Amino acid sequence: MPEGKIIKALSGFYYVLDQSEEKVIQCRARGIFRKNKITPLVGDYVVYQADNDKEGYLLEVKERTNELVRPPISNVAQAVLVFSATEPTFSTSLLDRFLVLVEANHIEPIICITKIDLLKTEQERETIQAYAEDYRQIGYDVHLTSTIVGDGIEKLIPHFHNKITVFAGQSGVGKSSLLNAMSPDLALKTNDISSHLGRGKHTTRHVELIRTAEGLIADTPGFSSLEFAGIEAEDLGLYFLEIRERSTDCKFRCCLHVKEPGCAVKDAVKHEQIREYRYQHYLEFLTEIKDRKPRY
């Protein structure tokens, strides 16, 4: 039986890119999927039966390396976290929240800071550059871009070869504009920032994998839920790379890096080896996880 990859799901149909990557087959799912409570996702590798060159049925969903609930997509190799330098204001707290969620799903993050052409003063530019350097020192790949001037776009493109990539980030930061700059033929719909709300409007309505930059890129509505569901307090430190690295030197194996004696993480913060704002975000997220209501 032929195999392929789901690149779009819409109105009960699953559009499968054949493994030859020369054709797309519109498929419906067999009743066995509903019986076994399996919902095919965009990104799934599948076995299908073709009735003709254009239509067929899904027979099997291959094992997934990961899956996201919001947006519903699977087998994601990396996530480009798109944040603007300004309009809306750059937020390390929101970026760290995204990084935790991406790390928890075993997805490689790439940080992309857009709209650098809108920075008006040298101080603003130095602030963004300093944040970019902080995250690079932690171990993240950081790109500064401008879709207006064209800065930084070419350096992003090689990252997408033969991978499924999700673009995610705050509304209005220019995710669709960035994709259009990479591949002008996409002509994705974009909206301007609402000056009244200070944020953008969602312009993407469904999940779809787009063939571009020799890979598959998901233009999605982004993460509609930024809650830490499924992340336990004792695991949170694993998703802050510099905390995970330092925690091996803590006196207690189950150290949460709050009040415990002999904590290597707190010592690193004290000696400015871990950025204070990153540690404060860790404490905020830890409190949020501890205070969440149990689900039954």
Protein backbone atom coordinates (compact mmCIF):
# COMPACT_ATOMS: atom_id res chain seq x y z
CA MET A 1 0.00 0.00 0.00
CA PRO A 2 1.22 3.55 -0.71
CA GLU A 3 2.41 5.79 2.12
CA GLY A 4 2.54 9.52 2.60
CA LYS A 5 2.21 12.43 4.99
CA ILE A 6 -0.90 14.43 5.93
CA ILE A 7 -0.27 18.05 4.98
CA LYS A 8 -3.79 19.43 5.55
CA ALA A 9 -6.95 18.43 7.43
CA LEU A 10 -10.17 20.24 6.57
CA SER A 11 -13.87 19.38 6.87
CA GLY A 12 -13.29 15.65 7.41
CA PHE A 13 -10.83 15.29 4.55
CA TYR A 14 -7.12 14.55 4.93
CA TYR A 15 -4.81 15.67 2.17
CA VAL A 16 -1.89 13.24 1.89
CA LEU A 17 1.36 14.16 0.17
CA ASP A 18 2.51 10.90 -1.39
CA GLN A 19 6.01 9.76 -0.43
CA SER A 20 7.09 10.53 -4.00
CA GLU A 21 6.08 14.15 -3.24
CA GLU A 22 4.62 14.36 -6.73
CA LYS A 23 0.92 14.22 -5.89
CA VAL A 24 -1.60 14.95 -3.12
CA ILE A 25 -4.44 12.50 -2.45
CA GLN A 26 -7.69 13.62 -0.77
CA CYS A 27 -8.56 10.92 1.78
CA ARG A 28 -11.25 10.10 4.28
CA ALA A 29 -10.53 8.09 7.43
CA ARG A 30 -11.94 4.56 7.74
CA GLY A 31 -14.43 3.92 10.56
CA ILE A 32 -11.79 1.91 12.43
CA PHE A 33 -10.10 5.18 13.39
CA ARG A 34 -13.20 6.43 15.20
CA LYS A 35 -13.70 3.03 16.83
CA ASN A 36 -10.11 3.05 18.13
CA LYS A 37 -10.36 6.74 19.09
CA ILE A 38 -7.55 7.73 16.73
CA THR A 39 -7.69 11.18 15.20
CA PRO A 40 -5.32 11.63 12.24
CA LEU A 41 -3.27 14.83 12.51
CA VAL A 42 -1.47 17.07 10.10
CA GLY A 43 2.12 15.78 10.09
CA ASP A 44 1.14 12.12 10.48
CA TYR A 45 2.89 9.52 8.36
CA VAL A 46 0.12 7.29 7.02
CA VAL A 47 -0.66 4.27 4.90
CA TYR A 48 -3.51 4.89 2.48
CA GLN A 49 -5.52 3.15 -0.22
CA ALA A 50 -6.02 5.11 -3.43
CA ASP A 51 -9.28 4.71 -5.35
CA ASN A 52 -7.79 6.80 -8.18
CA ASP A 53 -5.13 9.47 -8.71
CA LYS A 54 -6.96 12.00 -6.52
CA GLU A 55 -9.02 10.20 -3.83
CA GLY A 56 -8.61 7.43 -1.30
CA TYR A 57 -8.90 6.24 2.33
CA LEU A 58 -6.52 6.31 5.29
CA LEU A 59 -5.67 2.81 6.52
CA GLU A 60 -3.01 3.36 9.18
CA VAL A 61 -1.31 6.13 11.15
CA LYS A 62 2.36 5.47 11.83
CA GLU A 63 3.87 6.01 15.29
CA ARG A 64 4.39 9.69 16.13
CA THR A 65 7.57 11.25 17.52
CA ASN A 66 5.43 13.94 19.21
CA GLU A 67 2.06 15.64 18.94
CA LEU A 68 0.64 19.01 19.88
CA VAL A 69 -2.96 19.58 20.93
CA ARG A 70 -3.18 23.28 20.09
CA PRO A 71 -2.38 23.49 17.24
CA PRO A 72 -3.19 19.85 16.33
CA ILE A 73 -0.06 18.66 14.55
CA SER A 74 2.41 15.79 14.90
CA ASN A 75 6.01 14.83 14.15
CA VAL A 76 7.27 18.39 14.52
CA ALA A 77 11.08 18.62 14.35
CA GLN A 78 11.46 22.27 15.26
CA ALA A 79 9.53 25.40 16.21
CA VAL A 80 10.40 28.91 15.09
CA LEU A 81 9.30 31.12 17.97
CA VAL A 82 8.55 34.48 16.39
CA PHE A 83 8.65 37.54 18.65
CA SER A 84 8.77 41.16 17.62
CA ALA A 85 11.40 43.58 18.87
CA THR A 86 8.58 46.12 19.19
CA GLU A 87 4.88 46.54 18.29
CA PRO A 88 4.07 44.44 20.32
CA THR A 89 6.83 44.85 22.89
CA PHE A 90 9.35 42.02 23.20
CA SER A 91 8.48 39.82 26.20
CA THR A 92 11.05 37.47 27.74
CA SER A 93 8.33 36.05 30.00
CA LEU A 94 6.17 34.99 27.07
CA LEU A 95 9.21 33.71 25.17
CA ASP A 96 10.24 31.58 28.16
CA ARG A 97 6.72 30.18 28.37
CA PHE A 98 6.89 29.12 24.73
CA LEU A 99 10.36 27.66 25.24
CA VAL A 100 9.16 25.51 28.15
CA LEU A 101 6.23 24.17 26.09
CA VAL A 102 8.45 23.45 23.10
CA GLU A 103 11.17 21.78 25.18
CA ALA A 104 8.56 19.67 26.99
CA ASN A 105 7.36 18.36 23.61
CA HIS A 106 10.92 17.47 22.52
CA ILE A 107 10.88 20.03 19.73
CA GLU A 108 13.99 22.00 18.78
CA PRO A 109 13.34 25.76 19.20
CA ILE A 110 14.66 28.54 16.99
CA ILE A 111 14.12 32.07 18.29
CA CYS A 112 13.33 34.70 15.66
CA ILE A 113 13.05 38.36 16.71
CA THR A 114 11.32 40.36 13.97
CA LYS A 115 10.74 44.04 13.16
CA ILE A 116 14.24 45.11 14.13
CA ASP A 117 13.90 47.91 11.56
CA LEU A 118 11.29 49.54 13.86
CA LEU A 119 13.74 50.05 16.72
CA LYS A 120 14.18 53.82 16.88
CA THR A 121 17.03 54.38 19.34
CA GLU A 122 20.46 52.90 19.96
CA GLN A 123 19.35 51.93 23.47
CA GLU A 124 16.44 49.92 22.08
CA ARG A 125 18.75 48.13 19.64
CA GLU A 126 21.30 47.40 22.37
CA THR A 127 18.56 45.98 24.63
CA ILE A 128 17.35 43.54 21.96
CA GLN A 129 20.91 42.57 21.07
CA ALA A 130 21.63 41.87 24.75
CA TYR A 131 18.58 39.62 25.06
CA ALA A 132 19.57 37.80 21.86
CA GLU A 133 23.05 37.21 23.27
CA ASP A 134 21.60 35.94 26.58
CA TYR A 135 19.62 33.24 24.77
CA ARG A 136 22.53 32.35 22.51
CA GLN A 137 24.73 31.80 25.56
CA ILE A 138 22.08 29.49 27.00
CA GLY A 139 22.35 27.44 23.82
CA TYR A 140 19.50 28.66 21.62
CA ASP A 141 19.71 29.60 17.96
CA VAL A 142 18.60 33.25 17.71
CA HIS A 143 17.92 35.24 14.53
CA LEU A 144 17.18 38.97 14.24
CA THR A 145 15.09 39.73 11.16
CA SER A 146 13.24 42.41 9.25
CA THR A 147 10.80 41.51 6.50
CA ILE A 148 10.80 45.15 5.34
CA VAL A 149 14.57 45.49 4.93
CA GLY A 150 15.19 41.78 4.36
CA ASP A 151 17.72 41.34 7.14
CA GLY A 152 18.30 37.83 8.52
CA ILE A 153 15.91 35.98 6.19
CA GLU A 154 18.57 34.10 4.19
CA LYS A 155 20.17 32.70 7.36
CA LEU A 156 16.85 31.15 8.43
CA ILE A 157 16.11 29.24 5.23
CA PRO A 158 18.70 26.40 5.56
CA HIS A 159 17.13 25.33 8.88
CA PHE A 160 14.00 23.98 7.17
CA HIS A 161 15.52 21.36 4.84
CA ASN A 162 13.65 18.02 5.12
CA LYS A 163 11.96 18.97 8.42
CA ILE A 164 8.46 19.75 9.70
CA THR A 165 8.61 23.20 11.26
CA VAL A 166 5.97 25.04 13.28
CA PHE A 167 5.86 28.82 13.39
CA ALA A 168 4.47 30.05 16.70
CA GLY A 169 4.43 33.22 18.74
CA GLN A 170 2.42 36.18 19.89
CA SER A 171 -0.29 37.48 17.55
CA GLY A 172 0.76 40.37 15.36
CA VAL A 173 4.50 39.69 15.40
CA GLY A 174 4.64 38.90 11.69
CA LYS A 175 4.67 35.09 11.34
CA SER A 176 2.87 35.17 7.99
CA SER A 177 4.96 38.15 6.81
CA LEU A 178 8.10 36.18 7.64
CA LEU A 179 6.89 33.19 5.63
CA ASN A 180 5.99 35.48 2.72
CA ALA A 181 9.49 37.00 2.83
CA MET A 182 11.00 33.51 2.66
CA SER A 183 8.69 32.38 -0.16
CA PRO A 184 6.91 35.32 -1.86
CA ASP A 185 4.78 32.96 -3.97
CA LEU A 186 2.91 31.87 -0.79
CA ALA A 187 1.04 35.20 -0.54
CA LEU A 188 -0.28 34.34 2.93
CA LYS A 189 -2.88 36.69 4.34
CA THR A 190 -1.69 39.19 6.95
CA ASN A 191 -3.34 41.87 9.04
CA ASP A 192 -1.94 45.00 10.59
CA ILE A 193 -1.63 45.48 14.33
CA SER A 194 -4.76 46.83 15.97
CA SER A 195 -3.64 50.11 17.50
CA HIS A 196 -6.56 49.98 19.93
CA LEU A 197 -5.83 46.49 21.27
CA GLY A 198 -2.07 46.62 20.80
CA ARG A 199 -2.09 43.17 19.23
CA GLY A 200 -2.77 41.49 15.93
CA LYS A 201 -5.71 39.52 14.62
CA HIS A 202 -5.40 35.82 13.84
CA THR A 203 -5.23 35.50 10.08
CA THR A 204 -4.65 31.73 9.79
CA ARG A 205 -7.71 29.53 10.16
CA HIS A 206 -6.50 25.95 9.86
CA VAL A 207 -3.31 23.91 10.12
CA GLU A 208 -1.56 23.24 6.84
CA LEU A 209 1.93 22.11 5.92
CA ILE A 210 3.39 24.26 3.16
CA ARG A 211 6.16 22.99 0.94
CA THR A 212 8.85 25.66 0.99
CA ALA A 213 12.57 26.07 1.71
CA GLU A 214 12.98 22.33 0.89
CA GLY A 215 10.89 21.38 3.91
CA LEU A 216 7.36 21.50 5.28
CA ILE A 217 6.36 24.55 7.29
CA ALA A 218 3.16 24.75 9.32
CA ASP A 219 1.34 28.04 9.06
CA THR A 220 -0.91 27.63 12.09
CA PRO A 221 -3.03 29.73 14.43
CA GLY A 222 -0.19 29.26 16.93
CA PHE A 223 -0.46 27.93 20.45
CA SER A 224 -3.98 28.82 21.57
CA SER A 225 -3.23 27.34 25.00
CA LEU A 226 -0.08 28.33 26.90
CA GLU A 227 -0.90 26.40 30.05
CA PHE A 228 1.59 23.95 31.52
CA ALA A 229 -0.79 21.00 31.45
CA GLY A 230 1.14 17.75 31.83
CA ILE A 231 4.26 19.44 33.20
CA GLU A 232 4.98 18.59 36.83
CA ALA A 233 6.76 20.89 39.27
CA GLU A 234 9.75 18.58 39.62
CA ASP A 235 10.21 18.49 35.83
CA LEU A 236 9.99 22.22 35.10
CA GLY A 237 13.73 22.78 35.59
CA LEU A 238 14.43 20.30 32.77
CA TYR A 239 12.96 22.79 30.31
CA PHE A 240 15.21 25.68 31.35
CA LEU A 241 18.46 24.54 29.77
CA GLU A 242 20.82 26.42 32.09
CA ILE A 243 18.88 25.28 35.17
CA ARG A 244 18.94 21.68 33.97
CA GLU A 245 22.71 21.91 33.50
CA ARG A 246 23.36 23.41 36.96
CA SER A 247 20.89 21.19 38.84
CA THR A 248 23.22 18.19 38.62
CA ASP A 249 25.40 19.96 41.21
CA CYS A 250 22.57 20.59 43.70
CA LYS A 251 22.92 18.92 47.10
CA PHE A 252 19.51 17.25 46.82
CA ARG A 253 18.42 15.31 43.75
CA CYS A 254 14.80 16.52 44.06
CA CYS A 255 15.82 20.19 44.49
CA LEU A 256 13.23 22.65 43.18
CA HIS A 257 15.72 25.55 43.47
CA VAL A 258 13.55 27.64 45.78
CA LYS A 259 14.59 27.35 49.46
CA GLU A 260 16.67 24.19 49.51
CA PRO A 261 20.21 24.37 50.96
CA GLY A 262 23.15 23.59 48.72
CA CYS A 263 21.28 24.64 45.57
CA ALA A 264 23.69 25.12 42.66
CA VAL A 265 21.04 26.95 40.63
CA LYS A 266 20.50 29.66 43.25
CA ASP A 267 24.27 29.97 43.58
CA ALA A 268 24.57 30.44 39.81
CA VAL A 269 21.89 33.15 39.89
CA LYS A 270 23.74 34.89 42.74
CA HIS A 271 26.96 34.90 40.71
CA GLU A 272 25.11 36.07 37.54
CA GLN A 273 25.82 32.81 35.73
CA ILE A 274 22.06 32.40 35.26
CA ARG A 275 20.10 35.51 34.33
CA GLU A 276 17.90 36.79 37.14
CA TYR A 277 14.89 37.29 34.84
CA ARG A 278 15.09 33.68 33.67
CA TYR A 279 15.17 32.44 37.25
CA GLN A 280 12.21 34.67 38.18
CA HIS A 281 10.22 33.25 35.26
CA TYR A 282 11.07 29.76 36.48
CA LEU A 283 9.70 30.65 39.95
CA GLU A 284 6.54 32.17 38.43
CA PHE A 285 5.90 29.09 36.30
CA LEU A 286 6.63 26.81 39.26
CA THR A 287 4.02 28.62 41.36
CA GLU A 288 1.53 28.40 38.52
CA ILE A 289 2.04 24.65 38.23
CA LYS A 290 1.75 24.12 41.98
CA ASP A 291 -1.43 26.23 42.19
CA ARG A 292 -3.29 24.69 39.27
CA LYS A 293 -6.47 22.81 40.06
CA PRO A 294 -6.29 19.02 39.70
CA ARG A 295 -8.21 17.50 36.81
CA TYR A 296 -10.31 14.41 37.41
